[in-house]
Amino acid sequence: MTAALTTAQLTQEHRPTLDQALEAIRTRAYWSPHPEHPKAYGGEARGGRPSLSVAEGQAAFEALRGKRLELDQPGTDGWTGSEVSPFGAEMGMEYPHPDIEVLLPAMRKGMPAWREAGPETRAVVCLEILARIGARSHEFAQAVMHTSGQAYMMAFQAGGPHAQDRGLEAVAYAFAEQTRTPAAADWSKPQGKRDPLRLRKTFTAVPRGIALLIGCNTFPTWNGYPGLFASLATGNPVLVKPHPQAVLPLALTVQVAREVLKEAGFSPDLVALAAERPDEGIAKVLAVRPEIRIIDYTGSTAFGDWLETHARQALVFTEKAGVNTVVIDSTDDYRGMLANLAFSLSLYSGQMCTTPQNLLIPRGGITTDAGPKTYDEVVADLAAAVDGLLADDARASALLGAIVGPRVQERLEAAPGLGGVALASRAVTHPDFPAATVRTPLMVKADGARKFWEGADADAPYLSECFGPVSFAVAVDSTEDAVALLRRTTRDKGAMTVGAYTTSPEAERLIEEACLEECAQLSLNLTGGVYVNQTAAFSDFHGSGGNPSANATLCDAAFVAGRFRMVEVRRPAE
């Protein structure tokens, strides 16, 4: 669409998708309007909307390199950009640097008209933004790949269709919560013999103010879209502050959003970019500005805690670090368990907030369909499964991607000093990007005896997150001790995911009860094509908001409801 967009056009095109999304979050059944197969894109394959093929997406990305991304937003006082692809390719893009004193007032000017548009119009405008992003999924995949280090297929799926699903999910929740109250109501109270009291009441969803999205390096769109679209759909302008090494995916998002808003007759300044200069620390400056009333953040615990403490004027949503745990009690599919865990440990070099870290295994061994297995056998067999999965460098590169930055590599290189190495990491040569840093996972044996972790000053390395391709095979005295350790790490450090393998109803009940009490999302006995570190929009909750790893979940009513308030106006009825 190049002409001006009318509300009627947008509603006709996107209301059916919104209704399907509302039904999906109600039933929790599988549904997605965004195809996850790369061949679904190209030509007119996207429901009559032209979309880019793989080759066209790569060409579009190549055309961006070394250029300035023009956004035509007010208050630009210079240009900045410092992205370096983890795959070794030169980026060279520059982005507008904002004068906040000019940009923030401009963003606020667009709020009244956006508020008055109402929940449905805001929702369908958001869906038009997502549809245009979806048509460029292969271009966005290149942007995600070369900023996050994800292998192409993962960058395409997680950075494209799956991220768009999460954005749409947030819009659906936002619409549902805003329309829970009617827009208007006639009120009449009987007064006996006297005439009844009559009022005409109107109810308006009023946004809180400017929302600040602080993006992450590893999943800029997947983690960014829920907050961005939840805020925009509830009437709030959104200022996007990307991670300095992952600007492009969110800058392109801002570009599309501004284009759609302008065509739909709203201020494009409802969405703007705040790219920062090296070491500028603009997030801390913005976070405490009185105009910033909502903050969405994914990243380190230290900065997340700082935001929660200091950004007192804002509603703050954080996703931070955690210690993800798998309890291995027993299994009736030993090979399937090993294969599933090997994939989970390897995917994107463990650089996911949902990747398992601690594998808790009874030191006396486990029962399996392949006979009893000792702790050492389980560890050795899992190491062999990872080696087998990643034996071919080309296949390994397609699964591992690249190490995103030096801190992850430093942790990986220091990990052998944390205990006995059960699985050594090796360097992999990427067939297409030989300059990329690609490493296979490393597994460390650890003693999980209570005396090492019950004390208040216990400092066992597995008691804290070690982000990246490092896991700990922790020997525990029993399944009961495994559950006790799971409780401690989840309560103290948080957990985005918990996995467990057991054939015992008693052990299953014990593990499930621990996860319910500690508010951790649990996956039991996964041996096929579903993995503990993957979640599906419209059905799975990402995080719980109930333990220290995150104070919100993606996505539920609580994630959107605080972003607006219902304001009532009462008048005498005529």
Protein backbone atom coordinates (compact mmCIF):
# COMPACT_ATOMS: atom_id res chain seq x y z
CA MET A 1 0.00 0.00 0.00
CA THR A 2 1.44 3.34 -1.03
CA ALA A 3 -1.63 5.56 -0.83
CA ALA A 4 -3.05 6.89 2.44
CA LEU A 5 -4.52 4.15 4.60
CA THR A 6 -8.06 4.45 5.88
CA THR A 7 -9.36 2.85 9.05
CA ALA A 8 -11.91 0.95 6.97
CA GLN A 9 -9.17 -0.52 4.76
CA LEU A 10 -7.07 -1.57 7.70
CA THR A 11 -10.01 -3.04 9.55
CA GLN A 12 -11.19 -5.02 6.55
CA GLU A 13 -7.73 -6.48 6.00
CA HIS A 14 -6.58 -7.10 9.56
CA ARG A 15 -9.63 -7.56 11.79
CA PRO A 16 -9.98 -11.27 10.83
CA THR A 17 -6.35 -11.87 11.88
CA LEU A 18 -6.94 -10.03 15.16
CA ASP A 19 -10.02 -12.16 15.83
CA GLN A 20 -8.05 -15.34 15.19
CA ALA A 21 -5.33 -14.14 17.56
CA LEU A 22 -7.94 -13.46 20.25
CA GLU A 23 -9.28 -16.97 19.81
CA ALA A 24 -5.76 -18.44 19.95
CA ILE A 25 -4.87 -16.79 23.27
CA ARG A 26 -8.21 -18.01 24.64
CA THR A 27 -7.79 -21.65 23.60
CA ARG A 28 -3.93 -21.83 23.76
CA ALA A 29 -4.06 -23.98 20.60
CA TYR A 30 -1.37 -23.87 17.92
CA TRP A 31 -1.85 -21.03 15.45
CA SER A 32 0.35 -18.64 13.52
CA PRO A 33 -0.40 -16.36 10.58
CA HIS A 34 3.32 -16.04 9.83
CA PRO A 35 4.80 -18.95 7.86
CA GLU A 36 8.08 -20.18 9.33
CA HIS A 37 9.33 -21.89 6.16
CA PRO A 38 11.64 -19.65 4.08
CA LYS A 39 10.11 -20.82 0.79
CA ALA A 40 6.74 -19.36 1.79
CA TYR A 41 8.15 -15.92 0.96
CA GLY A 42 8.79 -14.33 -2.42
CA GLY A 43 6.51 -12.80 -5.02
CA GLU A 44 2.85 -12.81 -3.98
CA ALA A 45 3.21 -15.60 -1.46
CA ARG A 46 2.13 -13.51 1.53
CA GLY A 47 -1.62 -13.34 1.03
CA GLY A 48 -1.35 -11.10 -2.02
CA ARG A 49 1.21 -8.82 -0.37
CA PRO A 50 4.56 -8.79 -2.22
CA SER A 51 7.27 -10.35 -0.07
CA LEU A 52 11.00 -10.76 -0.42
CA SER A 53 12.58 -14.07 -1.33
CA VAL A 54 15.81 -15.29 0.27
CA ALA A 55 17.91 -13.70 -2.48
CA GLU A 56 15.91 -10.47 -2.44
CA GLY A 57 16.21 -10.23 1.32
CA GLN A 58 19.96 -10.64 1.15
CA ALA A 59 20.19 -8.04 -1.60
CA ALA A 60 18.13 -5.62 0.48
CA PHE A 61 20.46 -6.16 3.44
CA GLU A 62 23.56 -5.69 1.30
CA ALA A 63 22.13 -2.41 0.01
CA LEU A 64 21.96 -1.12 3.60
CA ARG A 65 25.59 -1.78 4.45
CA GLY A 66 27.78 1.28 4.71
CA LYS A 67 24.77 3.59 4.44
CA ARG A 68 22.83 5.91 6.71
CA LEU A 69 19.35 4.73 7.64
CA GLU A 70 17.18 7.80 7.23
CA LEU A 71 14.21 7.96 9.60
CA ASP A 72 13.23 11.64 9.22
CA GLN A 73 12.60 11.96 12.94
CA PRO A 74 12.89 15.32 14.77
CA GLY A 75 15.83 16.22 16.95
CA THR A 76 18.57 14.44 15.00
CA ASP A 77 21.86 16.00 16.10
CA GLY A 78 24.29 13.63 14.40
CA TRP A 79 24.90 10.09 13.27
CA THR A 80 26.24 7.03 15.04
CA GLY A 81 26.85 3.32 14.49
CA SER A 82 29.33 0.74 15.72
CA GLU A 83 27.89 -2.66 14.80
CA VAL A 84 30.31 -5.47 13.95
CA SER A 85 28.88 -8.73 12.65
CA PRO A 86 29.79 -11.78 14.76
CA PHE A 87 30.34 -13.47 11.39
CA GLY A 88 33.08 -11.02 10.49
CA ALA A 89 31.25 -9.03 7.82
CA GLU A 90 31.61 -5.26 7.85
CA MET A 91 28.37 -3.46 8.64
CA GLY A 92 29.08 0.27 8.45
CA MET A 93 25.50 1.46 8.96
CA GLU A 94 24.84 4.77 10.69
CA TYR A 95 21.70 5.82 12.52
CA PRO A 96 20.30 9.18 13.64
CA HIS A 97 21.42 10.22 17.11
CA PRO A 98 18.64 12.00 19.02
CA ASP A 99 18.49 15.29 20.83
CA ILE A 100 16.16 14.06 23.56
CA GLU A 101 14.99 17.56 24.45
CA VAL A 102 13.53 17.86 20.95
CA LEU A 103 12.47 14.26 20.30
CA LEU A 104 10.50 13.54 23.48
CA PRO A 105 8.15 16.55 23.15
CA ALA A 106 7.54 15.64 19.50
CA MET A 107 6.59 12.11 20.51
CA ARG A 108 4.11 13.41 23.08
CA LYS A 109 2.36 15.62 20.51
CA GLY A 110 1.01 12.60 18.67
CA MET A 111 -0.61 11.04 21.75
CA PRO A 112 -4.07 12.71 21.76
CA ALA A 113 -5.01 11.64 18.23
CA TRP A 114 -3.60 8.14 18.81
CA ARG A 115 -5.58 7.86 22.07
CA GLU A 116 -8.80 9.05 20.42
CA ALA A 117 -8.39 6.53 17.60
CA GLY A 118 -9.50 3.79 19.98
CA PRO A 119 -8.35 0.21 20.61
CA GLU A 120 -9.48 -1.31 17.31
CA THR A 121 -7.84 1.29 15.09
CA ARG A 122 -4.62 1.09 17.08
CA ALA A 123 -4.69 -2.70 16.80
CA VAL A 124 -5.17 -2.81 13.03
CA VAL A 125 -2.47 -0.18 12.50
CA CYS A 126 -0.12 -2.37 14.55
CA LEU A 127 -1.09 -5.36 12.43
CA GLU A 128 -0.28 -3.42 9.27
CA ILE A 129 3.17 -2.68 10.70
CA LEU A 130 3.66 -6.37 11.44
CA ALA A 131 2.42 -7.36 7.98
CA ARG A 132 4.95 -5.10 6.27
CA ILE A 133 7.72 -6.40 8.49
CA GLY A 134 6.56 -9.94 7.68
CA ALA A 135 6.84 -9.31 3.96
CA ARG A 136 10.49 -8.39 4.56
CA SER A 137 11.25 -11.35 6.83
CA HIS A 138 14.30 -12.42 4.82
CA GLU A 139 15.77 -8.91 5.00
CA PHE A 140 15.13 -8.82 8.76
CA ALA A 141 16.70 -12.27 9.06
CA GLN A 142 19.92 -10.96 7.58
CA ALA A 143 19.82 -8.04 10.00
CA VAL A 144 19.26 -10.33 13.00
CA MET A 145 21.89 -12.82 11.83
CA HIS A 146 24.62 -10.20 11.41
CA THR A 147 23.94 -8.48 14.73
CA SER A 148 23.15 -11.44 17.01
CA GLY A 149 25.30 -14.22 15.58
CA GLN A 150 22.33 -16.52 15.10
CA ALA A 151 22.63 -18.95 12.22
CA TYR A 152 20.47 -17.94 9.26
CA MET A 153 17.57 -20.37 9.76
CA MET A 154 17.24 -19.41 13.41
CA ALA A 155 17.60 -15.71 12.61
CA PHE A 156 14.86 -16.09 10.00
CA GLN A 157 12.44 -17.99 12.22
CA ALA A 158 13.09 -16.46 15.66
CA GLY A 159 13.87 -12.98 14.33
CA GLY A 160 11.07 -13.04 11.76
CA PRO A 161 7.83 -15.08 11.99
CA HIS A 162 8.20 -16.04 15.66
CA ALA A 163 8.97 -12.45 16.67
CA GLN A 164 6.01 -11.24 14.63
CA ASP A 165 3.84 -13.82 16.41
CA ARG A 166 4.93 -12.41 19.77
CA GLY A 167 4.14 -8.88 18.61
CA LEU A 168 0.70 -9.92 17.39
CA GLU A 169 0.10 -11.78 20.64
CA ALA A 170 0.78 -8.57 22.59
CA VAL A 171 -1.63 -6.63 20.35
CA ALA A 172 -4.33 -9.23 20.97
CA TYR A 173 -3.91 -9.05 24.74
CA ALA A 174 -3.88 -5.26 24.60
CA PHE A 175 -7.09 -5.18 22.57
CA ALA A 176 -8.81 -7.67 24.87
CA GLU A 177 -7.96 -5.72 28.01
CA GLN A 178 -8.92 -2.32 26.57
CA THR A 179 -12.29 -3.58 25.30
CA ARG A 180 -13.17 -5.44 28.49
CA THR A 181 -14.91 -2.20 29.53
CA PRO A 182 -17.52 -0.78 27.11
CA ALA A 183 -16.81 2.54 25.47
CA ALA A 184 -20.08 3.95 26.75
CA ALA A 185 -22.92 3.00 29.08
CA ASP A 186 -26.32 4.39 30.10
CA TRP A 187 -26.78 4.28 33.86
CA SER A 188 -30.14 4.50 35.62
CA LYS A 189 -30.80 4.22 39.35
CA PRO A 190 -34.47 3.91 40.50
CA GLN A 191 -35.63 6.49 43.07
CA GLY A 192 -39.00 5.11 44.05
CA LYS A 193 -41.74 7.64 43.28
CA ARG A 194 -39.21 10.12 42.02
CA ASP A 195 -37.68 10.07 38.56
CA PRO A 196 -34.68 7.75 38.31
CA LEU A 197 -31.16 9.14 38.31
CA ARG A 198 -29.75 8.87 34.82
CA LEU A 199 -26.21 9.31 33.60
CA ARG A 200 -24.38 8.79 30.35
CA LYS A 201 -20.92 7.39 31.04
CA THR A 202 -17.98 7.11 28.65
CA PHE A 203 -14.81 5.11 29.29
CA THR A 204 -11.53 5.83 27.54
CA ALA A 205 -8.34 3.79 27.67
CA VAL A 206 -5.75 6.46 28.49
CA PRO A 207 -2.07 5.66 27.88
CA ARG A 208 0.53 6.18 30.60
CA GLY A 209 3.03 8.08 28.45
CA ILE A 210 6.17 7.44 26.44
CA ALA A 211 7.44 3.86 26.60
CA LEU A 212 11.15 3.09 26.45
CA LEU A 213 12.18 -0.20 24.86
CA ILE A 214 15.75 -1.17 25.75
CA GLY A 215 16.74 -3.84 23.24
CA CYS A 216 19.05 -6.82 23.71
CA ASN A 217 21.91 -8.10 21.55
CA THR A 218 20.86 -11.73 21.18
CA PHE A 219 17.15 -11.52 20.27
CA PRO A 220 16.47 -7.89 19.29
CA THR A 221 13.09 -8.50 17.64
CA TRP A 222 11.82 -11.58 19.50
CA ASN A 223 12.40 -9.94 22.88
CA GLY A 224 11.64 -6.43 21.63
CA TYR A 225 8.33 -6.81 19.80
CA PRO A 226 6.12 -7.78 22.78
CA GLY A 227 6.86 -4.58 24.69
CA LEU A 228 6.89 -2.38 21.60
CA PHE A 229 3.50 -3.53 20.33
CA ALA A 230 1.92 -3.82 23.80
CA SER A 231 2.75 -0.15 24.42
CA LEU A 232 1.81 1.10 20.96
CA ALA A 233 -1.49 -0.79 20.90
CA THR A 234 -2.45 0.74 24.27
CA GLY A 235 -1.85 4.26 23.01
CA ASN A 236 1.69 4.95 24.16
CA PRO A 237 4.49 6.35 21.98
CA VAL A 238 7.53 4.07 21.94
CA LEU A 239 11.15 5.19 22.02
CA VAL A 240 13.35 2.30 20.88
CA LYS A 241 16.86 2.20 22.38
CA PRO A 242 18.61 -0.75 20.71
CA HIS A 243 21.68 -2.55 21.98
CA PRO A 244 24.68 -0.81 20.34
CA GLN A 245 25.67 -4.04 18.59
CA ALA A 246 22.13 -4.89 17.42
CA VAL A 247 20.66 -1.64 16.11
CA LEU A 248 19.68 -2.60 12.57
CA PRO A 249 16.75 -5.00 13.24
CA LEU A 250 15.01 -2.50 15.53
CA ALA A 251 15.93 0.49 13.38
CA LEU A 252 14.24 -1.17 10.40
CA THR A 253 11.24 -1.86 12.65
CA VAL A 254 11.05 1.82 13.59
CA GLN A 255 11.33 2.78 9.93
CA VAL A 256 8.38 0.57 8.98
CA ALA A 257 6.29 1.74 11.95
CA ARG A 258 6.84 5.40 11.13
CA GLU A 259 5.90 4.78 7.50
CA VAL A 260 2.62 3.06 8.42
CA LEU A 261 1.65 5.57 11.10
CA LYS A 262 2.14 8.45 8.67
CA GLU A 263 0.10 6.76 5.93
CA ALA A 264 -2.68 6.02 8.42
CA GLY A 265 -2.89 9.70 9.36
CA PHE A 266 -1.08 9.62 12.69
CA SER A 267 2.15 11.19 13.82
CA PRO A 268 5.12 9.06 12.76
CA ASP A 269 6.86 10.33 15.90
CA LEU A 270 4.77 7.88 17.94
CA VAL A 271 7.68 5.50 17.26
CA ALA A 272 11.27 6.74 17.25
CA LEU A 273 14.82 5.46 17.54
CA ALA A 274 17.41 6.39 20.15
CA ALA A 275 20.72 5.06 18.85
CA GLU A 276 23.62 5.85 21.15
CA ARG A 277 27.21 6.83 20.65
CA PRO A 278 29.93 4.48 21.97
CA ASP A 279 29.94 4.38 25.79
CA GLU A 280 27.28 7.09 25.96
CA GLY A 281 25.03 5.19 28.38
CA ILE A 282 21.88 6.83 27.07
CA ALA A 283 19.62 4.14 28.57
CA LYS A 284 20.33 5.36 32.12
CA VAL A 285 19.64 8.94 31.11
CA LEU A 286 16.36 8.10 29.40
CA ALA A 287 15.16 5.66 32.06
CA VAL A 288 14.75 8.34 34.72
CA ARG A 289 13.26 11.05 32.52
CA PRO A 290 9.81 12.07 33.77
CA GLU A 291 8.35 11.62 30.27
CA ILE A 292 9.26 7.91 30.31
CA ARG A 293 6.36 6.08 31.95
CA ILE A 294 6.95 2.49 30.76
CA ILE A 295 10.21 0.56 30.34
CA ASP A 296 10.74 -2.83 28.69
CA TYR A 297 14.17 -4.34 29.21
CA THR A 298 15.95 -7.60 28.44
CA GLY A 299 19.53 -8.06 29.61
CA SER A 300 21.79 -8.37 32.63
CA THR A 301 20.51 -8.67 36.17
CA ALA A 302 22.66 -5.75 37.31
CA PHE A 303 21.07 -3.21 34.96
CA GLY A 304 17.61 -4.72 35.36
CA ASP A 305 17.92 -4.27 39.13
CA TRP A 306 19.13 -0.70 38.58
CA LEU A 307 16.07 0.07 36.47
CA GLU A 308 13.69 -1.40 39.01
CA THR A 309 15.34 0.66 41.76
CA HIS A 310 15.86 4.00 40.06
CA ALA A 311 13.19 4.36 37.35
CA ARG A 312 10.53 4.96 39.97
CA GLN A 313 8.34 7.10 37.70
CA ALA A 314 7.90 4.23 35.22
CA LEU A 315 6.22 0.86 35.06
CA VAL A 316 9.25 -1.41 34.53
CA PHE A 317 9.16 -4.82 32.83
CA THR A 318 12.43 -6.77 33.06
CA GLU A 319 13.77 -10.06 31.78
CA LYS A 320 17.12 -10.77 33.45
CA ALA A 321 19.41 -13.71 34.16
CA GLY A 322 18.46 -17.09 35.59
CA VAL A 323 19.76 -20.56 36.29
CA ASN A 324 17.82 -22.95 34.08
CA THR A 325 17.76 -26.49 35.39
CA VAL A 326 16.99 -30.00 34.16
CA VAL A 327 16.29 -32.74 36.73
CA ILE A 328 17.20 -36.18 35.35
CA ASP A 329 15.52 -38.82 37.53
CA SER A 330 14.69 -41.59 35.02
CA THR A 331 13.47 -42.04 31.46
CA ASP A 332 11.72 -44.53 29.23
CA ASP A 333 13.43 -43.10 26.12
CA TYR A 334 17.12 -42.75 26.89
CA ARG A 335 18.27 -42.07 23.33
CA GLY A 336 15.47 -39.56 22.81
CA MET A 337 16.37 -37.77 26.05
CA LEU A 338 20.04 -37.52 25.08
CA ALA A 339 19.22 -36.25 21.59
CA ASN A 340 16.78 -33.68 22.92
CA LEU A 341 19.21 -32.37 25.53
CA ALA A 342 22.11 -32.30 23.08
CA PHE A 343 20.10 -30.10 20.72
CA SER A 344 18.95 -27.83 23.56
CA LEU A 345 22.51 -27.33 24.79
CA SER A 346 23.83 -26.63 21.28
CA LEU A 347 21.18 -24.36 19.79
CA TYR A 348 22.66 -20.86 19.19
CA SER A 349 25.69 -21.84 21.28
CA GLY A 350 23.63 -21.74 24.45
CA GLN A 351 23.13 -17.97 24.07
CA MET A 352 19.45 -18.12 24.92
CA CYS A 353 17.84 -17.08 28.19
CA THR A 354 16.02 -20.43 28.09
CA THR A 355 19.02 -22.74 27.50
CA PRO A 356 19.51 -25.41 30.20
CA GLN A 357 22.55 -24.84 32.40
CA ASN A 358 22.38 -27.22 35.36
CA LEU A 359 21.76 -30.92 34.70
CA LEU A 360 20.99 -32.50 38.08
CA ILE A 361 21.75 -36.24 38.05
CA PRO A 362 21.64 -38.61 41.05
CA ARG A 363 25.17 -39.80 41.77
CA GLY A 364 23.79 -43.32 42.18
CA GLY A 365 22.54 -43.28 38.60
CA ILE A 366 19.14 -43.47 36.89
CA THR A 367 16.83 -46.13 35.47
CA THR A 368 16.21 -46.12 31.72
CA ASP A 369 14.72 -48.25 28.98
CA ALA A 370 18.33 -49.11 28.06
CA GLY A 371 19.05 -50.41 31.55
CA PRO A 372 20.46 -48.66 34.61
CA LYS A 373 22.93 -45.85 33.90
CA THR A 374 25.45 -44.44 36.33
CA TYR A 375 26.06 -40.73 36.71
CA ASP A 376 29.30 -41.06 34.74
CA GLU A 377 27.56 -43.01 31.98
CA VAL A 378 24.79 -40.42 31.63
CA VAL A 379 27.33 -37.61 31.42
CA ALA A 380 29.54 -39.49 28.95
CA ASP A 381 26.56 -40.47 26.79
CA LEU A 382 25.26 -36.91 26.71
CA ALA A 383 28.71 -35.63 25.76
CA ALA A 384 28.81 -38.21 22.96
CA ALA A 385 25.36 -37.11 21.78
CA VAL A 386 26.52 -33.49 21.53
CA ASP A 387 29.70 -34.56 19.70
CA GLY A 388 27.68 -36.64 17.29
CA LEU A 389 25.22 -33.85 16.61
CA LEU A 390 28.02 -31.39 15.86
CA ALA A 391 30.52 -33.72 14.19
CA ASP A 392 30.12 -32.09 10.78
CA ASP A 393 31.32 -28.48 10.71
CA ALA A 394 28.71 -27.32 8.23
CA ARG A 395 25.88 -28.82 10.24
CA ALA A 396 27.41 -27.53 13.47
CA SER A 397 27.65 -23.99 12.07
CA ALA A 398 24.00 -24.05 11.03
CA LEU A 399 23.02 -24.96 14.59
CA LEU A 400 25.55 -23.09 16.70
CA GLY A 401 25.71 -19.75 14.92
CA ALA A 402 28.51 -17.51 16.15
CA ILE A 403 29.62 -16.37 19.59
CA VAL A 404 27.91 -13.01 19.99
CA GLY A 405 30.66 -11.16 21.85
CA PRO A 406 33.90 -11.31 23.83
CA ARG A 407 32.25 -11.75 27.24
CA VAL A 408 30.66 -15.03 26.19
CA GLN A 409 33.98 -16.25 24.79
CA GLU A 410 35.76 -15.25 28.02
CA ARG A 411 33.30 -17.26 30.12
CA LEU A 412 33.71 -20.24 27.83
CA GLU A 413 37.49 -20.11 28.01
CA ALA A 414 37.42 -19.82 31.81
CA ALA A 415 34.94 -22.67 32.31
CA PRO A 416 37.47 -25.56 32.34
CA GLY A 417 38.79 -24.13 35.59
CA LEU A 418 35.40 -24.63 37.25
CA GLY A 419 35.64 -28.44 37.51
CA GLY A 420 36.33 -31.62 35.61
CA VAL A 421 35.61 -31.23 31.91
CA ALA A 422 33.15 -33.85 30.70
CA LEU A 423 32.80 -32.32 27.23
CA ALA A 424 35.50 -30.07 25.82
CA SER A 425 34.64 -27.20 23.50
CA ARG A 426 36.21 -27.11 20.07
CA ALA A 427 36.52 -24.43 17.45
CA VAL A 428 34.46 -24.86 14.29
CA THR A 429 35.30 -23.29 10.94
CA HIS A 430 32.21 -21.73 9.40
CA PRO A 431 32.02 -22.69 5.71
CA ASP A 432 30.68 -19.27 4.65
CA PHE A 433 32.18 -16.98 7.30
CA PRO A 434 35.66 -18.22 8.27
CA ALA A 435 36.21 -15.14 10.47
CA ALA A 436 33.28 -16.09 12.73
CA THR A 437 33.99 -17.37 16.24
CA VAL A 438 32.12 -20.67 16.42
CA ARG A 439 32.48 -22.98 19.44
CA THR A 440 30.82 -26.21 20.48
CA PRO A 441 29.36 -26.50 24.01
CA LEU A 442 31.43 -27.32 27.08
CA MET A 443 30.17 -29.42 29.99
CA VAL A 444 31.69 -29.38 33.47
CA LYS A 445 31.23 -32.02 36.15
CA ALA A 446 30.22 -30.61 39.52
CA ASP A 447 29.57 -31.94 43.01
CA GLY A 448 26.12 -31.03 44.20
CA ALA A 449 26.45 -32.32 47.76
CA ARG A 450 24.34 -30.26 50.15
CA LYS A 451 27.40 -29.05 52.08
CA PHE A 452 28.50 -27.14 48.95
CA TRP A 453 25.29 -25.23 48.42
CA GLU A 454 23.27 -25.10 51.62
CA GLY A 455 25.47 -22.47 53.28
CA ALA A 456 24.62 -18.81 52.90
CA ASP A 457 28.08 -18.11 51.46
CA ALA A 458 28.27 -21.07 49.11
CA ASP A 459 29.95 -20.03 45.85
CA ALA A 460 29.66 -23.11 43.64
CA PRO A 461 29.77 -21.90 40.01
CA TYR A 462 26.52 -23.63 39.11
CA LEU A 463 24.63 -21.45 41.62
CA SER A 464 24.81 -18.48 39.22
CA GLU A 465 24.13 -18.04 35.51
CA CYS A 466 27.02 -18.74 33.16
CA PHE A 467 25.53 -17.36 29.95
CA GLY A 468 26.77 -19.10 26.82
CA PRO A 469 27.73 -22.65 25.77
CA VAL A 470 28.61 -23.86 29.29
CA SER A 471 26.61 -26.41 31.30
CA PHE A 472 27.14 -28.24 34.58
CA ALA A 473 26.46 -31.94 35.13
CA VAL A 474 25.76 -31.73 38.84
CA ALA A 475 25.91 -34.96 40.86
CA VAL A 476 23.29 -34.93 43.62
CA ASP A 477 22.58 -37.45 46.37
CA SER A 478 18.98 -38.08 45.30
CA THR A 479 16.10 -36.75 43.25
CA GLU A 480 14.82 -35.11 46.43
CA ASP A 481 18.13 -33.27 46.74
CA ALA A 482 17.90 -32.31 43.06
CA VAL A 483 14.50 -30.74 43.71
CA ALA A 484 15.85 -28.94 46.79
CA LEU A 485 18.72 -27.50 44.71
CA LEU A 486 16.27 -26.57 41.95
CA ARG A 487 14.19 -24.70 44.51
CA ARG A 488 17.20 -22.81 45.83
CA THR A 489 18.56 -21.65 42.49
CA THR A 490 15.11 -20.70 41.22
CA ARG A 491 14.27 -18.78 44.37
CA ASP A 492 17.67 -17.04 44.61
CA LYS A 493 18.60 -16.53 40.95
CA GLY A 494 15.45 -17.29 38.98
CA ALA A 495 14.80 -19.63 36.08
CA MET A 496 13.18 -18.99 32.72
CA THR A 497 12.82 -22.73 32.11
CA VAL A 498 12.91 -26.00 34.03
CA GLY A 499 13.06 -29.44 32.43
CA ALA A 500 12.69 -32.86 33.98
CA TYR A 501 12.85 -36.50 32.99
CA THR A 502 11.15 -39.09 35.14
CA THR A 503 9.02 -42.22 34.94
CA SER A 504 8.03 -41.91 38.60
CA PRO A 505 4.66 -40.31 39.43
CA GLU A 506 6.03 -39.41 42.86
CA ALA A 507 9.08 -37.66 41.42
CA GLU A 508 6.94 -35.90 38.83
CA ARG A 509 4.63 -34.62 41.55
CA LEU A 510 7.59 -33.42 43.62
CA ILE A 511 9.15 -31.55 40.68
CA GLU A 512 5.86 -30.06 39.54
CA GLU A 513 5.04 -28.85 43.06
CA ALA A 514 8.46 -27.18 43.32
CA CYS A 515 7.91 -25.37 40.01
CA LEU A 516 4.42 -24.26 41.01
CA GLU A 517 5.66 -22.90 44.32
CA GLU A 518 8.71 -21.19 42.79
CA CYS A 519 6.81 -19.96 39.68
CA ALA A 520 8.96 -21.65 37.04
CA GLN A 521 7.74 -22.93 33.67
CA LEU A 522 8.21 -26.73 33.51
CA SER A 523 8.68 -29.09 30.55
CA LEU A 524 8.45 -32.82 31.30
CA ASN A 525 9.98 -35.72 29.36
CA LEU A 526 10.71 -33.93 26.09
CA THR A 527 12.29 -36.47 23.72
CA GLY A 528 11.05 -35.38 20.28
CA GLY A 529 11.00 -32.18 18.26
CA VAL A 530 9.96 -29.83 21.07
CA TYR A 531 12.76 -28.43 23.22
CA VAL A 532 12.85 -26.83 26.64
CA ASN A 533 14.40 -23.64 25.27
CA GLN A 534 11.67 -23.00 22.72
CA THR A 535 8.24 -21.44 23.33
CA ALA A 536 5.30 -20.90 21.00
CA ALA A 537 3.41 -17.61 20.92
CA PHE A 538 -0.32 -17.67 21.70
CA SER A 539 0.16 -20.86 23.73
CA ASP A 540 3.34 -20.94 25.83
CA PHE A 541 4.27 -18.36 28.44
CA HIS A 542 7.85 -17.15 28.21
CA GLY A 543 8.98 -16.69 31.79
CA SER A 544 6.48 -16.47 34.61
CA GLY A 545 7.10 -13.10 36.24
CA GLY A 546 7.16 -14.97 39.54
CA ASN A 547 10.88 -15.54 40.14
CA PRO A 548 13.99 -13.33 39.89
CA SER A 549 14.69 -14.11 36.21
CA ALA A 550 11.83 -11.86 35.05
CA ASN A 551 9.12 -9.72 36.60
CA ALA A 552 6.75 -10.31 33.68
CA THR A 553 5.71 -13.03 31.29
CA LEU A 554 5.37 -12.91 27.53
CA CYS A 555 2.53 -12.57 27.20
CA ASP A 556 -0.46 -12.27 29.53
CA ALA A 557 -3.03 -9.71 30.64
CA ALA A 558 -0.71 -8.33 33.31
CA PHE A 559 1.87 -7.51 30.63
CA VAL A 560 -0.50 -5.06 28.93
CA ALA A 561 -3.07 -3.91 31.50
CA GLY A 562 -0.78 -1.51 33.37
CA ARG A 563 0.15 0.34 30.18
CA PHE A 564 -3.16 2.23 30.22
CA ARG A 565 -5.83 3.38 32.66
CA MET A 566 -9.57 3.68 32.17
CA VAL A 567 -10.77 7.24 32.59
CA GLU A 568 -14.48 7.79 33.03
CA VAL A 569 -16.56 10.85 32.11
CA ARG A 570 -20.10 11.12 33.52
CA ARG A 571 -22.83 13.38 32.15
CA PRO A 572 -26.52 13.71 32.88
CA ALA A 573 -28.45 11.64 30.37
CA GLU A 574 -30.60 13.62 28.00
